[in-house]
């Protein structure tokens, strides 16, 4: 029972803050194989859970918004309307796309997915990476496999780094 709680604890930590699950598993005195397996399970399942949760929420928020607006207090409605007016003015005064701006956006889109895939397990958290991926790269079919591969590779790298540090 004690090991089951340790495993569940590491899986839950890995599903939210992936990079810090390795030192936590080492502090719980799990061996290297157990650490790798539990971190991989937590990271992969956590990403898939948050990715599909955010996909559902982003799709359904348009349907739920009118109902939420009806039960919102009046003071929040007033502030929200003021915010919408300011936002509308900013959009009207925004620069239009030129050929250079379009090229910059294309480059950012091209390297943006790679950057998110590489940085999510290390610097960002799994839920933040899943939200960004759902929002901007949902229609790219390669996003989910690349993200899962990145989580897998970073798990092995982090376990090897932290196990070397803990042995010293």
Protein backbone atom coordinates (compact mmCIF):
# COMPACT_ATOMS: atom_id res chain seq x y z
CA UNK A 1 0.00 0.00 0.00
CA UNK A 2 2.87 2.34 0.80
CA UNK A 3 4.41 1.84 -2.65
CA UNK A 4 1.08 2.39 -4.35
CA UNK A 5 0.72 5.78 -2.63
CA UNK A 6 4.28 6.69 -3.60
CA UNK A 7 3.59 5.73 -7.21
CA UNK A 8 0.33 7.68 -7.34
CA UNK A 9 2.02 10.68 -5.78
CA UNK A 10 4.80 10.69 -8.38
CA UNK A 11 2.29 10.18 -11.21
CA UNK A 12 0.21 13.15 -10.05
CA UNK A 13 3.26 15.39 -9.66
CA UNK A 14 4.54 14.36 -13.09
CA UNK A 15 1.19 15.09 -14.71
CA UNK A 16 1.30 18.70 -13.54
CA UNK A 17 4.94 19.74 -13.05
CA UNK A 18 6.93 17.19 -14.97
CA UNK A 19 10.51 18.23 -14.36
CA UNK A 20 10.14 18.33 -10.57
CA UNK A 21 8.74 14.82 -10.37
CA UNK A 22 12.18 13.26 -10.79
CA UNK A 23 13.78 14.79 -7.68
CA UNK A 24 10.58 14.06 -5.79
CA UNK A 25 10.72 10.39 -6.80
CA UNK A 26 14.38 10.24 -5.77
CA UNK A 27 13.46 11.73 -2.39
CA UNK A 28 10.83 9.02 -2.01
CA UNK A 29 13.64 6.51 -2.56
CA UNK A 30 12.23 4.94 -5.72
CA UNK A 31 14.79 3.15 -7.84
CA UNK A 32 15.65 4.33 -11.36
CA UNK A 33 13.32 1.97 -13.21
CA UNK A 34 10.35 2.82 -10.96
CA UNK A 35 11.11 6.52 -11.33
CA UNK A 36 11.26 6.37 -15.12
CA UNK A 37 8.07 4.33 -15.41
CA UNK A 38 6.04 6.46 -12.98
CA UNK A 39 7.24 9.74 -14.47
CA UNK A 40 6.48 8.55 -18.00
CA UNK A 41 2.99 7.38 -17.03
CA UNK A 42 2.26 10.63 -15.22
CA UNK A 43 3.61 12.90 -17.93
CA UNK A 44 2.00 11.12 -20.86
CA UNK A 45 -1.39 10.63 -19.22
CA UNK A 46 -1.33 14.14 -17.77
CA UNK A 47 -0.65 15.69 -21.16
CA UNK A 48 -3.38 13.68 -22.86
CA UNK A 49 -5.86 14.50 -20.08
CA UNK A 50 -5.17 18.25 -20.16
CA UNK A 51 -5.01 18.40 -23.95
CA UNK A 52 -8.43 16.86 -24.43
CA UNK A 53 -9.89 18.74 -21.43
CA UNK A 54 -8.80 22.08 -22.86
CA UNK A 55 -9.99 21.09 -26.35
CA UNK A 56 -13.41 20.35 -24.87
CA UNK A 57 -13.49 23.54 -22.83
CA UNK A 58 -12.38 25.78 -25.68
CA UNK A 59 -15.04 24.30 -27.93
CA UNK A 60 -17.83 24.38 -25.37
CA UNK A 61 -17.09 27.79 -23.85
CA UNK A 62 -18.90 29.44 -26.75
CA UNK A 63 -22.04 27.52 -25.82
CA UNK A 64 -21.73 28.16 -22.10
CA UNK A 65 -20.88 31.87 -22.33
CA UNK A 66 -24.46 33.19 -22.63
CA UNK A 67 -25.55 31.20 -19.58
CA UNK A 68 -22.59 32.39 -17.52
CA UNK A 69 -23.27 35.99 -18.57
CA UNK A 70 -26.85 35.76 -17.29
CA UNK A 71 -25.79 34.85 -13.75
CA UNK A 72 -22.87 37.31 -13.59
CA UNK A 73 -23.31 40.22 -11.12
CA UNK A 74 -23.96 43.65 -12.64
CA UNK A 75 -20.67 45.22 -11.51
CA UNK A 76 -18.69 42.60 -13.41
CA UNK A 77 -20.86 43.09 -16.49
CA UNK A 78 -20.12 46.83 -16.49
CA UNK A 79 -16.38 46.28 -16.21
CA UNK A 80 -16.49 43.60 -18.88
CA UNK A 81 -18.31 45.93 -21.29
CA UNK A 82 -15.73 48.67 -20.64
CA UNK A 83 -12.95 46.19 -21.35
CA UNK A 84 -14.64 45.13 -24.61
CA UNK A 85 -14.91 48.77 -25.76
CA UNK A 86 -11.20 49.38 -25.11
CA UNK A 87 -10.29 46.13 -26.84
CA UNK A 88 -12.43 47.00 -29.87
CA UNK A 89 -10.68 50.39 -30.17
CA UNK A 90 -7.25 48.75 -30.01
CA UNK A 91 -8.20 46.32 -32.76
CA UNK A 92 -9.39 49.17 -34.99
CA UNK A 93 -6.13 51.04 -34.51
CA UNK A 94 -3.88 48.01 -34.92
CA UNK A 95 -1.42 47.81 -37.80
CA UNK A 96 -2.47 45.85 -40.82
CA UNK A 97 -0.38 42.95 -42.06
CA UNK A 98 2.30 43.74 -44.55
CA UNK A 99 4.38 41.25 -46.50
CA UNK A 100 7.11 41.43 -43.82
CA UNK A 101 4.63 40.88 -40.99
CA UNK A 102 3.18 37.85 -42.76
CA UNK A 103 6.65 36.40 -43.20
CA UNK A 104 7.40 36.91 -39.49
CA UNK A 105 4.16 35.19 -38.51
CA UNK A 106 4.92 32.27 -40.82
CA UNK A 107 8.35 31.80 -39.27
CA UNK A 108 6.94 32.06 -35.76
CA UNK A 109 4.29 29.48 -36.58
CA UNK A 110 6.85 27.17 -38.13
CA UNK A 111 9.18 27.16 -35.09
CA UNK A 112 6.48 27.79 -32.52
CA UNK A 113 5.32 24.19 -32.28
CA UNK A 114 8.88 22.90 -31.96
CA UNK A 115 9.56 25.41 -29.21
CA UNK A 116 6.43 24.45 -27.30
CA UNK A 117 7.16 20.75 -27.72
CA UNK A 118 10.72 21.08 -26.46
CA UNK A 119 10.09 23.52 -23.61
CA UNK A 120 6.87 22.15 -22.14
CA UNK A 121 8.32 19.34 -20.01
CA UNK A 122 11.28 21.41 -18.81
CA UNK A 123 10.26 25.04 -18.37
CA UNK A 124 6.53 25.14 -18.83
CA UNK A 125 4.20 22.82 -17.01
CA UNK A 126 2.27 20.04 -18.71
CA UNK A 127 -1.10 21.86 -18.39
CA UNK A 128 0.31 25.10 -19.85
CA UNK A 129 1.88 23.27 -22.78
CA UNK A 130 -1.35 21.37 -23.38
CA UNK A 131 -3.34 24.62 -23.34
CA UNK A 132 -1.00 26.35 -25.78
CA UNK A 133 -0.95 23.29 -28.01
CA UNK A 134 -4.72 22.99 -27.94
CA UNK A 135 -5.19 26.66 -28.70
CA UNK A 136 -2.66 27.08 -31.50
CA UNK A 137 -1.62 23.66 -32.83
CA UNK A 138 -4.81 21.60 -32.52
CA UNK A 139 -5.14 21.21 -36.29
CA UNK A 140 -1.57 20.03 -36.80
CA UNK A 141 -1.67 16.26 -36.74
CA UNK A 142 1.92 15.90 -35.58
CA UNK A 143 1.61 17.91 -32.38
CA UNK A 144 0.43 15.15 -30.05
CA UNK A 145 3.00 12.50 -31.13
CA UNK A 146 5.85 15.02 -30.99
CA UNK A 147 4.77 16.21 -27.56
CA UNK A 148 4.53 12.65 -26.26
CA UNK A 149 7.99 11.89 -27.68
CA UNK A 150 9.39 15.02 -26.06
CA UNK A 151 7.89 14.08 -22.69
CA UNK A 152 9.35 10.58 -23.02
CA UNK A 153 12.84 11.82 -23.92
CA UNK A 154 12.89 14.53 -21.23
CA UNK A 155 11.85 11.93 -18.67
CA UNK A 156 14.84 9.76 -19.45
CA UNK A 157 17.17 12.79 -19.54
CA UNK A 158 15.89 14.19 -16.24
CA UNK A 159 16.15 10.84 -14.45
CA UNK A 160 19.71 10.34 -15.69
CA UNK A 161 20.75 13.88 -14.70
CA UNK A 162 19.16 13.78 -11.25
CA UNK A 163 20.39 10.26 -10.52
CA UNK A 164 23.95 11.35 -11.38
CA UNK A 165 23.60 14.40 -9.14
CA UNK A 166 22.17 12.38 -6.27
CA UNK A 167 25.00 9.82 -6.51
CA UNK A 168 27.61 12.57 -6.16
